[in-house]
C-alpha atoms as a PDB file:
ATOM      1  CA  MET A   1      65.717 174.778  63.080  1.00  0.00           C
ATOM      2  CA  ASP A   2      66.229 172.286  65.879  1.00  0.00           C
ATOM      3  CA  ILE A   3      66.119 174.754  68.775  1.00  0.00           C
ATOM      4  CA  ARG A   4      66.268 173.007  72.149  1.00  0.00           C
ATOM      5  CA  ALA A   5      67.396 175.816  74.448  1.00  0.00           C
ATOM      6  CA  VAL A   6      67.050 179.604  74.487  1.00  0.00           C
ATOM      7  CA  VAL A   7      69.643 181.924  76.027  1.00  0.00           C
ATOM      8  CA  ALA A   8      68.748 185.569  76.657  1.00  0.00           C
ATOM      9  CA  ILE A   9      71.675 187.986  76.980  1.00  0.00           C
ATOM     10  CA  ASP A  10      71.466 191.450  78.490  1.00  0.00           C
ATOM     11  CA  PHE A  11      74.692 193.177  77.477  1.00  0.00           C
ATOM     12  CA  GLY A  12      74.455 196.401  79.436  1.00  0.00           C
ATOM     13  CA  THR A  13      76.449 199.594  79.724  1.00  0.00           C
ATOM     14  CA  THR A  14      77.385 198.984  83.357  1.00  0.00           C
ATOM     15  CA  PHE A  15      76.055 195.481  84.140  1.00  0.00           C
ATOM     16  CA  SER A  16      75.402 192.360  82.069  1.00  0.00           C
ATOM     17  CA  GLY A  17      73.677 189.051  82.631  1.00  0.00           C
ATOM     18  CA  PHE A  18      71.996 186.077  81.005  1.00  0.00           C
ATOM     19  CA  ALA A  19      69.116 183.672  81.534  1.00  0.00           C
ATOM     20  CA  TYR A  20      68.307 180.369  79.858  1.00  0.00           C
ATOM     21  CA  THR A  21      65.562 177.807  79.452  1.00  0.00           C
ATOM     22  CA  TYR A  22      64.968 174.436  77.855  1.00  0.00           C
ATOM     23  CA  ARG A  23      62.333 174.928  75.186  1.00  0.00           C
ATOM     24  CA  SER A  24      60.075 172.134  76.447  1.00  0.00           C
ATOM     25  CA  SER A  25      60.177 173.472  80.035  1.00  0.00           C
ATOM     26  CA  PRO A  26      58.474 176.604  81.421  1.00  0.00           C
ATOM     27  CA  GLU A  27      61.295 177.214  83.925  1.00  0.00           C
ATOM     28  CA  ILE A  28      63.517 180.225  83.195  1.00  0.00           C
ATOM     29  CA  ILE A  29      66.839 180.215  85.044  1.00  0.00           C
ATOM     30  CA  THR A  30      68.760 183.433  85.623  1.00  0.00           C
ATOM     31  CA  ASN A  31      72.483 182.954  86.080  1.00  0.00           C
ATOM     32  CA  ASP A  32      73.793 183.996  89.484  1.00  0.00           C
ATOM     33  CA  SER A  33      77.241 182.421  89.430  1.00  0.00           C
ATOM     34  CA  TRP A  34      80.085 184.630  88.198  1.00  0.00           C
ATOM     35  CA  PRO A  35      83.885 184.684  88.468  1.00  0.00           C
ATOM     36  CA  GLN A  36      84.673 185.232  92.172  1.00  0.00           C
ATOM     37  CA  GLN A  37      81.056 186.236  92.753  1.00  0.00           C
ATOM     38  CA  ILE A  38      77.943 184.184  93.588  1.00  0.00           C
ATOM     39  CA  GLY A  39      74.473 185.604  94.183  1.00  0.00           C
ATOM     40  CA  PRO A  40      74.025 188.709  91.984  1.00  0.00           C
ATOM     41  CA  LEU A  41      71.961 188.244  88.824  1.00  0.00           C
ATOM     42  CA  LYS A  42      74.351 190.481  86.868  1.00  0.00           C
ATOM     43  CA  THR A  43      78.041 191.252  86.798  1.00  0.00           C
ATOM     44  CA  ASN A  44      79.895 194.412  85.823  1.00  0.00           C
ATOM     45  CA  THR A  45      80.496 195.189  82.156  1.00  0.00           C
ATOM     46  CA  VAL A  46      84.187 195.793  82.785  1.00  0.00           C
ATOM     47  CA  LEU A  47      87.388 194.355  81.336  1.00  0.00           C
ATOM     48  CA  GLN A  48      90.931 194.399  82.656  1.00  0.00           C
ATOM     49  CA  TYR A  49      93.679 193.951  80.049  1.00  0.00           C
ATOM     50  CA  ASP A  50      97.393 193.285  80.059  1.00  0.00           C
ATOM     51  CA  SER A  51      99.767 196.173  79.451  1.00  0.00           C
ATOM     52  CA  ASN A  52      99.367 196.160  75.636  1.00  0.00           C
ATOM     53  CA  TYR A  53      95.584 195.612  75.654  1.00  0.00           C
ATOM     54  CA  GLN A  54      95.808 192.354  73.750  1.00  0.00           C
ATOM     55  CA  ASN A  55      94.676 189.823  76.350  1.00  0.00           C
ATOM     56  CA  VAL A  56      91.911 189.960  78.942  1.00  0.00           C
ATOM     57  CA  ILE A  57      93.210 189.334  82.451  1.00  0.00           C
ATOM     58  CA  LYS A  58      89.912 189.731  84.327  1.00  0.00           C
ATOM     59  CA  TRP A  59      86.309 190.490  83.456  1.00  0.00           C
ATOM     60  CA  GLY A  60      83.161 191.340  85.377  1.00  0.00           C
ATOM     61  CA  ASN A  61      83.317 192.218  89.055  1.00  0.00           C
ATOM     62  CA  PRO A  62      86.955 191.070  89.559  1.00  0.00           C
ATOM     63  CA  ALA A  63      88.036 193.585  86.884  1.00  0.00           C
ATOM     64  CA  LEU A  64      86.814 196.548  88.923  1.00  0.00           C
ATOM     65  CA  ALA A  65      89.502 198.811  90.291  1.00  0.00           C
ATOM     66  CA  GLN A  66      90.352 198.213  93.934  1.00  0.00           C
ATOM     67  CA  ARG A  67      91.480 200.649  96.577  1.00  0.00           C
ATOM     68  CA  GLN A  68      95.196 201.218  96.102  1.00  0.00           C
ATOM     69  CA  SER A  69      97.469 200.452  99.024  1.00  0.00           C
ATOM     70  CA  ARG A  70      99.536 203.336 100.353  1.00  0.00           C
ATOM     71  CA  ARG A  71     102.609 201.169  99.848  1.00  0.00           C
ATOM     72  CA  SER A  72     101.761 200.529  96.212  1.00  0.00           C
ATOM     73  CA  LYS A  73     103.532 202.829  93.773  1.00  0.00           C
ATOM     74  CA  ASP A  74     102.431 201.064  90.603  1.00  0.00           C
ATOM     75  CA  SER A  75      99.710 203.222  89.074  1.00  0.00           C
ATOM     76  CA  SER A  76      99.804 201.634  85.626  1.00  0.00           C
ATOM     77  CA  SER A  77      99.120 197.968  86.490  1.00  0.00           C
ATOM     78  CA  SER A  78      95.357 198.237  86.100  1.00  0.00           C
ATOM     79  CA  LYS A  79      94.309 198.553  82.449  1.00  0.00           C
ATOM     80  CA  THR A  80      90.578 198.828  82.953  1.00  0.00           C
ATOM     81  CA  VAL A  81      88.069 199.372  80.144  1.00  0.00           C
ATOM     82  CA  GLU A  82      84.373 200.093  80.728  1.00  0.00           C
ATOM     83  CA  LEU A  83      81.226 201.721  79.254  1.00  0.00           C
ATOM     84  CA  ILE A  84      82.047 200.122  75.887  1.00  0.00           C
ATOM     85  CA  LYS A  85      78.391 199.729  74.917  1.00  0.00           C
ATOM     86  CA  LEU A  86      78.069 203.520  74.565  1.00  0.00           C
ATOM     87  CA  HIS A  87      80.182 203.278  71.397  1.00  0.00           C
ATOM     88  CA  LEU A  88      77.252 201.539  69.690  1.00  0.00           C
ATOM     89  CA  GLY A  89      74.906 204.444  70.343  1.00  0.00           C
ATOM     90  CA  ASN A  90      74.171 207.265  67.952  1.00  0.00           C
ATOM     91  CA  ILE A  91      75.672 209.937  70.187  1.00  0.00           C
ATOM     92  CA  PRO A  92      78.341 212.615  69.559  1.00  0.00           C
ATOM     93  CA  GLN A  93      81.873 211.245  69.469  1.00  0.00           C
ATOM     94  CA  ASN A  94      82.985 213.482  72.328  1.00  0.00           C
ATOM     95  CA  GLU A  95      80.328 211.895  74.584  1.00  0.00           C
ATOM     96  CA  LYS A  96      81.665 208.393  74.018  1.00  0.00           C
ATOM     97  CA  PRO A  97      84.175 207.116  76.597  1.00  0.00           C
ATOM     98  CA  SER A  98      87.770 207.315  75.466  1.00  0.00           C
ATOM     99  CA  LEU A  99      89.600 204.084  74.697  1.00  0.00           C
ATOM    100  CA  PRO A 100      93.345 203.391  74.602  1.00  0.00           C
ATOM    101  CA  ARG A 101      94.744 203.877  71.104  1.00  0.00           C
ATOM    102  CA  GLN A 102      95.713 200.163  71.017  1.00  0.00           C
ATOM    103  CA  LEU A 103      92.065 199.130  71.437  1.00  0.00           C
ATOM    104  CA  ASN A 104      88.948 199.736  69.329  1.00  0.00           C
ATOM    105  CA  TYR A 105      85.453 199.348  70.699  1.00  0.00           C
ATOM    106  CA  GLU A 106      84.534 196.362  68.499  1.00  0.00           C
ATOM    107  CA  LYS A 107      87.446 194.361  69.910  1.00  0.00           C
ATOM    108  CA  ALA A 108      86.536 195.369  73.465  1.00  0.00           C
ATOM    109  CA  ILE A 109      82.869 194.354  72.999  1.00  0.00           C
ATOM    110  CA  SER A 110      83.923 191.090  71.329  1.00  0.00           C
ATOM    111  CA  ASP A 111      86.374 190.370  74.153  1.00  0.00           C
ATOM    112  CA  TYR A 112      83.693 190.887  76.800  1.00  0.00           C
ATOM    113  CA  LEU A 113      81.130 188.773  74.946  1.00  0.00           C
ATOM    114  CA  ARG A 114      83.781 186.059  74.508  1.00  0.00           C
ATOM    115  CA  GLU A 115      84.349 185.840  78.265  1.00  0.00           C
ATOM    116  CA  LEU A 116      80.599 185.898  78.891  1.00  0.00           C
ATOM    117  CA  GLY A 117      80.140 183.313  76.135  1.00  0.00           C
ATOM    118  CA  LYS A 118      82.599 180.908  77.772  1.00  0.00           C
ATOM    119  CA  LEU A 119      80.485 180.969  80.928  1.00  0.00           C
ATOM    120  CA  ILE A 120      77.242 180.565  78.948  1.00  0.00           C
ATOM    121  CA  LYS A 121      78.559 177.556  77.023  1.00  0.00           C
ATOM    122  CA  GLU A 122      79.907 175.938  80.172  1.00  0.00           C
ATOM    123  CA  THR A 123      76.579 176.493  81.955  1.00  0.00           C
ATOM    124  CA  ILE A 124      74.479 175.070  79.105  1.00  0.00           C
ATOM    125  CA  SER A 125      76.694 172.027  78.534  1.00  0.00           C
ATOM    126  CA  THR A 126      76.743 171.241  82.261  1.00  0.00           C
ATOM    127  CA  ARG A 127      72.971 171.510  82.638  1.00  0.00           C
ATOM    128  CA  TRP A 128      71.914 169.706  79.467  1.00  0.00           C
ATOM    129  CA  HIS A 129      74.208 167.088  78.007  1.00  0.00           C
ATOM    130  CA  GLY A 130      74.121 166.502  74.271  1.00  0.00           C
ATOM    131  CA  ILE A 131      73.255 170.069  73.253  1.00  0.00           C
ATOM    132  CA  LYS A 132      75.346 171.421  70.398  1.00  0.00           C
ATOM    133  CA  PHE A 133      75.593 175.148  70.975  1.00  0.00           C
ATOM    134  CA  PHE A 134      75.604 176.346  67.362  1.00  0.00           C
ATOM    135  CA  GLU A 135      72.855 173.915  66.323  1.00  0.00           C
ATOM    136  CA  HIS A 136      70.464 173.786  69.254  1.00  0.00           C
ATOM    137  CA  VAL A 137      70.678 177.168  71.042  1.00  0.00           C
ATOM    138  CA  LEU A 138      68.776 180.329  70.095  1.00  0.00           C
ATOM    139  CA  LEU A 139      70.282 183.607  71.334  1.00  0.00           C
ATOM    140  CA  VAL A 140      67.947 186.495  72.195  1.00  0.00           C
ATOM    141  CA  ILE A 141      69.794 189.791  72.684  1.00  0.00           C
ATOM    142  CA  SER A 142      68.127 192.759  74.382  1.00  0.00           C
ATOM    143  CA  ILE A 143      69.127 196.136  72.964  1.00  0.00           C
ATOM    144  CA  PRO A 144      68.114 199.770  73.578  1.00  0.00           C
ATOM    145  CA  ALA A 145      65.153 200.997  71.554  1.00  0.00           C
ATOM    146  CA  GLU A 146      67.461 203.663  70.085  1.00  0.00           C
ATOM    147  CA  PHE A 147      69.785 201.160  68.392  1.00  0.00           C
ATOM    148  CA  ASP A 148      69.725 201.428  64.602  1.00  0.00           C
ATOM    149  CA  ASP A 149      70.573 198.802  61.990  1.00  0.00           C
ATOM    150  CA  ARG A 150      74.264 199.744  62.125  1.00  0.00           C
ATOM    151  CA  ALA A 151      74.392 199.004  65.855  1.00  0.00           C
ATOM    152  CA  LYS A 152      72.578 195.681  65.366  1.00  0.00           C
ATOM    153  CA  ASP A 153      74.991 194.739  62.588  1.00  0.00           C
ATOM    154  CA  THR A 154      77.949 195.550  64.846  1.00  0.00           C
ATOM    155  CA  MET A 155      76.445 193.419  67.609  1.00  0.00           C
ATOM    156  CA  ARG A 156      76.102 190.507  65.170  1.00  0.00           C
ATOM    157  CA  LYS A 157      79.730 190.953  64.163  1.00  0.00           C
ATOM    158  CA  CYS A 158      80.899 191.036  67.788  1.00  0.00           C
ATOM    159  CA  LEU A 159      78.820 187.965  68.688  1.00  0.00           C
ATOM    160  CA  HIS A 160      80.504 186.101  65.845  1.00  0.00           C
ATOM    161  CA  ASN A 161      83.986 187.352  66.808  1.00  0.00           C
ATOM    162  CA  ALA A 162      83.260 186.227  70.365  1.00  0.00           C
ATOM    163  CA  GLY A 163      82.499 182.682  69.228  1.00  0.00           C
ATOM    164  CA  LEU A 164      78.818 182.821  70.172  1.00  0.00           C
ATOM    165  CA  THR A 165      77.679 182.247  66.577  1.00  0.00           C
ATOM    166  CA  ASN A 166      79.258 180.331  63.718  1.00  0.00           C
ATOM    167  CA  SER A 167      78.492 183.081  61.211  1.00  0.00           C
ATOM    168  CA  LYS A 168      77.711 186.782  61.285  1.00  0.00           C
ATOM    169  CA  GLU A 169      74.384 186.137  59.515  1.00  0.00           C
ATOM    170  CA  SER A 170      73.362 183.312  61.873  1.00  0.00           C
ATOM    171  CA  ASN A 171      69.604 182.727  62.003  1.00  0.00           C
ATOM    172  CA  LYS A 172      69.959 181.676  65.643  1.00  0.00           C
ATOM    173  CA  VAL A 173      70.217 185.286  66.852  1.00  0.00           C
ATOM    174  CA  GLU A 174      67.190 187.473  67.537  1.00  0.00           C
ATOM    175  CA  PHE A 175      66.989 191.002  68.944  1.00  0.00           C
ATOM    176  CA  THR A 176      64.362 192.429  71.272  1.00  0.00           C
ATOM    177  CA  THR A 177      64.256 195.944  72.664  1.00  0.00           C
ATOM    178  CA  GLU A 178      64.940 196.381  76.353  1.00  0.00           C
ATOM    179  CA  PRO A 179      61.531 198.054  77.041  1.00  0.00           C
ATOM    180  CA  GLU A 180      59.726 195.131  75.374  1.00  0.00           C
ATOM    181  CA  ALA A 181      61.707 192.632  77.440  1.00  0.00           C
ATOM    182  CA  ALA A 182      60.954 194.633  80.597  1.00  0.00           C
ATOM    183  CA  ALA A 183      57.217 194.704  79.818  1.00  0.00           C
ATOM    184  CA  ILE A 184      57.073 190.934  79.307  1.00  0.00           C
ATOM    185  CA  TYR A 185      59.028 190.365  82.525  1.00  0.00           C
ATOM    186  CA  CYS A 186      56.669 192.594  84.532  1.00  0.00           C
ATOM    187  CA  MET A 187      53.613 190.756  83.193  1.00  0.00           C
ATOM    188  CA  ARG A 188      55.053 187.348  84.104  1.00  0.00           C
ATOM    189  CA  ASN A 189      56.247 188.585  87.470  1.00  0.00           C
ATOM    190  CA  LEU A 190      52.742 189.782  88.340  1.00  0.00           C
ATOM    191  CA  GLU A 191      51.320 186.428  87.283  1.00  0.00           C
ATOM    192  CA  GLY A 192      53.723 184.748  89.696  1.00  0.00           C
ATOM    193  CA  GLN A 193      52.245 186.899  92.476  1.00  0.00           C
ATOM    194  CA  ASN A 194      48.679 185.940  91.466  1.00  0.00           C
ATOM    195  CA  GLU A 195      48.095 189.392  90.049  1.00  0.00           C
ATOM    196  CA  THR A 196      47.248 190.196  86.456  1.00  0.00           C
ATOM    197  CA  ILE A 197      46.981 193.213  84.201  1.00  0.00           C
ATOM    198  CA  PRO A 198      43.414 193.406  82.857  1.00  0.00           C
ATOM    199  CA  ILE A 199      42.820 193.135  79.110  1.00  0.00           C
ATOM    200  CA  ASN A 200      42.908 196.596  77.448  1.00  0.00           C
ATOM    201  CA  ALA A 201      44.709 198.076  80.468  1.00  0.00           C
ATOM    202  CA  SER A 202      47.448 200.600  79.727  1.00  0.00           C
ATOM    203  CA  PHE A 203      50.764 200.732  81.555  1.00  0.00           C
ATOM    204  CA  MET A 204      54.086 202.518  81.290  1.00  0.00           C
ATOM    205  CA  VAL A 205      57.498 200.866  81.423  1.00  0.00           C
ATOM    206  CA  VAL A 206      60.320 203.092  82.680  1.00  0.00           C
ATOM    207  CA  ASP A 207      63.651 201.427  81.909  1.00  0.00           C
ATOM    208  CA  CYS A 208      66.513 203.297  83.571  1.00  0.00           C
ATOM    209  CA  GLY A 209      69.822 201.721  82.601  1.00  0.00           C
ATOM    210  CA  GLY A 210      73.473 202.605  82.739  1.00  0.00           C
ATOM    211  CA  GLY A 211      73.486 204.173  79.280  1.00  0.00           C
ATOM    212  CA  THR A 212      69.901 204.819  78.258  1.00  0.00           C
ATOM    213  CA  VAL A 213      66.528 205.668  79.787  1.00  0.00           C
ATOM    214  CA  ASP A 214      63.472 204.473  77.824  1.00  0.00           C
ATOM    215  CA  LEU A 215      59.790 205.248  78.379  1.00  0.00           C
ATOM    216  CA  THR A 216      57.169 203.084  76.699  1.00  0.00           C
ATOM    217  CA  THR A 217      53.376 203.125  77.106  1.00  0.00           C
ATOM    218  CA  ARG A 218      51.618 199.917  76.117  1.00  0.00           C
ATOM    219  CA  LYS A 219      48.218 198.257  76.144  1.00  0.00           C
ATOM    220  CA  LEU A 220      47.647 194.604  76.936  1.00  0.00           C
ATOM    221  CA  LEU A 221      45.579 192.852  74.269  1.00  0.00           C
ATOM    222  CA  ARG A 222      44.149 189.350  74.238  1.00  0.00           C
ATOM    223  CA  ASP A 223      46.495 186.347  74.172  1.00  0.00           C
ATOM    224  CA  ASN A 224      49.144 188.387  76.046  1.00  0.00           C
ATOM    225  CA  LYS A 225      49.865 190.534  73.015  1.00  0.00           C
ATOM    226  CA  LEU A 226      51.092 194.088  73.497  1.00  0.00           C
ATOM    227  CA  SER A 227      50.323 197.185  71.483  1.00  0.00           C
ATOM    228  CA  GLU A 228      52.229 200.457  71.639  1.00  0.00           C
ATOM    229  CA  ILE A 229      49.974 203.374  72.593  1.00  0.00           C
ATOM    230  CA  THR A 230      52.516 206.123  72.123  1.00  0.00           C
ATOM    231  CA  GLU A 231      55.791 206.163  70.266  1.00  0.00           C
ATOM    232  CA  ARG A 232      58.566 205.038  72.580  1.00  0.00           C
ATOM    233  CA  THR A 233      60.872 207.760  73.745  1.00  0.00           C
ATOM    234  CA  GLY A 234      64.304 207.595  75.281  1.00  0.00           C
ATOM    235  CA  ASP A 235      67.765 209.049  75.303  1.00  0.00           C
ATOM    236  CA  PHE A 236      71.319 208.410  76.396  1.00  0.00           C
ATOM    237  CA  CYS A 237      70.977 209.742  79.940  1.00  0.00           C
ATOM    238  CA  GLY A 238      71.426 206.674  82.156  1.00  0.00           C
ATOM    239  CA  GLY A 239      73.461 206.149  85.283  1.00  0.00           C
ATOM    240  CA  SER A 240      76.857 206.555  83.578  1.00  0.00           C
ATOM    241  CA  TYR A 241      75.881 210.138  82.748  1.00  0.00           C
ATOM    242  CA  VAL A 242      75.327 210.785  86.473  1.00  0.00           C
ATOM    243  CA  ASP A 243      78.889 209.542  87.028  1.00  0.00           C
ATOM    244  CA  ARG A 244      80.066 211.935  84.334  1.00  0.00           C
ATOM    245  CA  GLU A 245      78.387 214.885  86.052  1.00  0.00           C
ATOM    246  CA  PHE A 246      80.117 213.874  89.302  1.00  0.00           C
ATOM    247  CA  ILE A 247      83.499 214.122  87.532  1.00  0.00           C
ATOM    248  CA  LYS A 248      82.503 217.516  86.077  1.00  0.00           C
ATOM    249  CA  PHE A 249      81.599 218.685  89.581  1.00  0.00           C
ATOM    250  CA  LEU A 250      85.024 217.622  90.860  1.00  0.00           C
ATOM    251  CA  SER A 251      86.659 219.395  87.906  1.00  0.00           C
ATOM    252  CA  ARG A 252      84.967 222.633  88.901  1.00  0.00           C
ATOM    253  CA  ARG A 253      86.046 222.238  92.517  1.00  0.00           C
ATOM    254  CA  LEU A 254      89.561 220.866  92.061  1.00  0.00           C
ATOM    255  CA  GLY A 255      90.460 222.125  88.601  1.00  0.00           C
ATOM    256  CA  LYS A 256      90.161 220.420  85.243  1.00  0.00           C
ATOM    257  CA  SER A 257      93.917 219.827  84.993  1.00  0.00           C
ATOM    258  CA  THR A 258      93.894 217.926  88.304  1.00  0.00           C
ATOM    259  CA  ILE A 259      91.149 215.572  87.145  1.00  0.00           C
ATOM    260  CA  ASN A 260      92.824 215.126  83.752  1.00  0.00           C
ATOM    261  CA  LEU A 261      96.084 214.135  85.459  1.00  0.00           C
ATOM    262  CA  LEU A 262      94.195 211.657  87.649  1.00  0.00           C
ATOM    263  CA  LYS A 263      92.461 210.205  84.595  1.00  0.00           C
ATOM    264  CA  GLU A 264      95.714 209.885  82.618  1.00  0.00           C
ATOM    265  CA  ASN A 265      97.963 208.538  85.376  1.00  0.00           C
ATOM    266  CA  ASN A 266      95.608 206.772  87.815  1.00  0.00           C
ATOM    267  CA  TYR A 267      92.482 205.880  85.852  1.00  0.00           C
ATOM    268  CA  GLY A 268      91.860 202.824  88.009  1.00  0.00           C
ATOM    269  CA  GLN A 269      91.747 204.941  91.148  1.00  0.00           C
ATOM    270  CA  MET A 270      89.407 207.445  89.521  1.00  0.00           C
ATOM    271  CA  GLN A 271      87.135 204.529  88.668  1.00  0.00           C
ATOM    272  CA  TYR A 272      87.335 203.346  92.287  1.00  0.00           C
ATOM    273  CA  MET A 273      86.359 206.848  93.443  1.00  0.00           C
ATOM    274  CA  ILE A 274      83.275 206.755  91.183  1.00  0.00           C
ATOM    275  CA  GLN A 275      82.335 203.338  92.582  1.00  0.00           C
ATOM    276  CA  GLN A 276      82.425 204.757  96.105  1.00  0.00           C
ATOM    277  CA  PHE A 277      80.332 207.751  94.991  1.00  0.00           C
ATOM    278  CA  CYS A 278      77.688 205.393  93.568  1.00  0.00           C
ATOM    279  CA  GLN A 279      77.427 203.511  96.857  1.00  0.00           C
END
């Protein structure tokens, strides 16, 4: 394979981002330029669709629900979809976020990756002229440690549907678990601060994400190789589950029917309320 550039994609439950490097250069660049947003290293994993959920109107931070004006009486204009990554997890169906009947989770994931992919391709082509994306770029996708082969296969399918690969079985896609990626990042970050982890030292990586929380204990071997001391453990109990408990709390205080009506008729405003709670 003639790999000239590597793009790492972190498709998260609540936030997503990407970094890239030219293979012959040690510099790793993390993208910080997003639609209507410059500075953050990640953007929101949120989509806003048209009324029939066929076309994406906005994605990322601009797709977040905004505070509704008192003069505005249109409660159905915002067709926001979020937390789509949870549909890949091996969790009970009733714990997965509901989707509109016109939309399945594979289409939603593909749509988000397509929008992200447009930005990735534009960024790579602008930085390095002459690179052919399907021929010269290796994609490294970070995934939760809990993902099984079915979830990986679905991710491959969505990457292909999104136009990031030219075939579902592309050999230019590799997966790494999020705890492994976090461990490597921490090691390199310490090196940048003139600190190192001694050989044979043990350390724990606690990866608290929007969907999952993973704990991994590792030992650093020679040549920067890592061994796993204990079997990794984790579960679907990330930040989005805290949001869910907040809604349950409101249901107990205000009544379940009240919250259900808000969710059905003003979902965008309920989402805005959760955003304010998180701040």
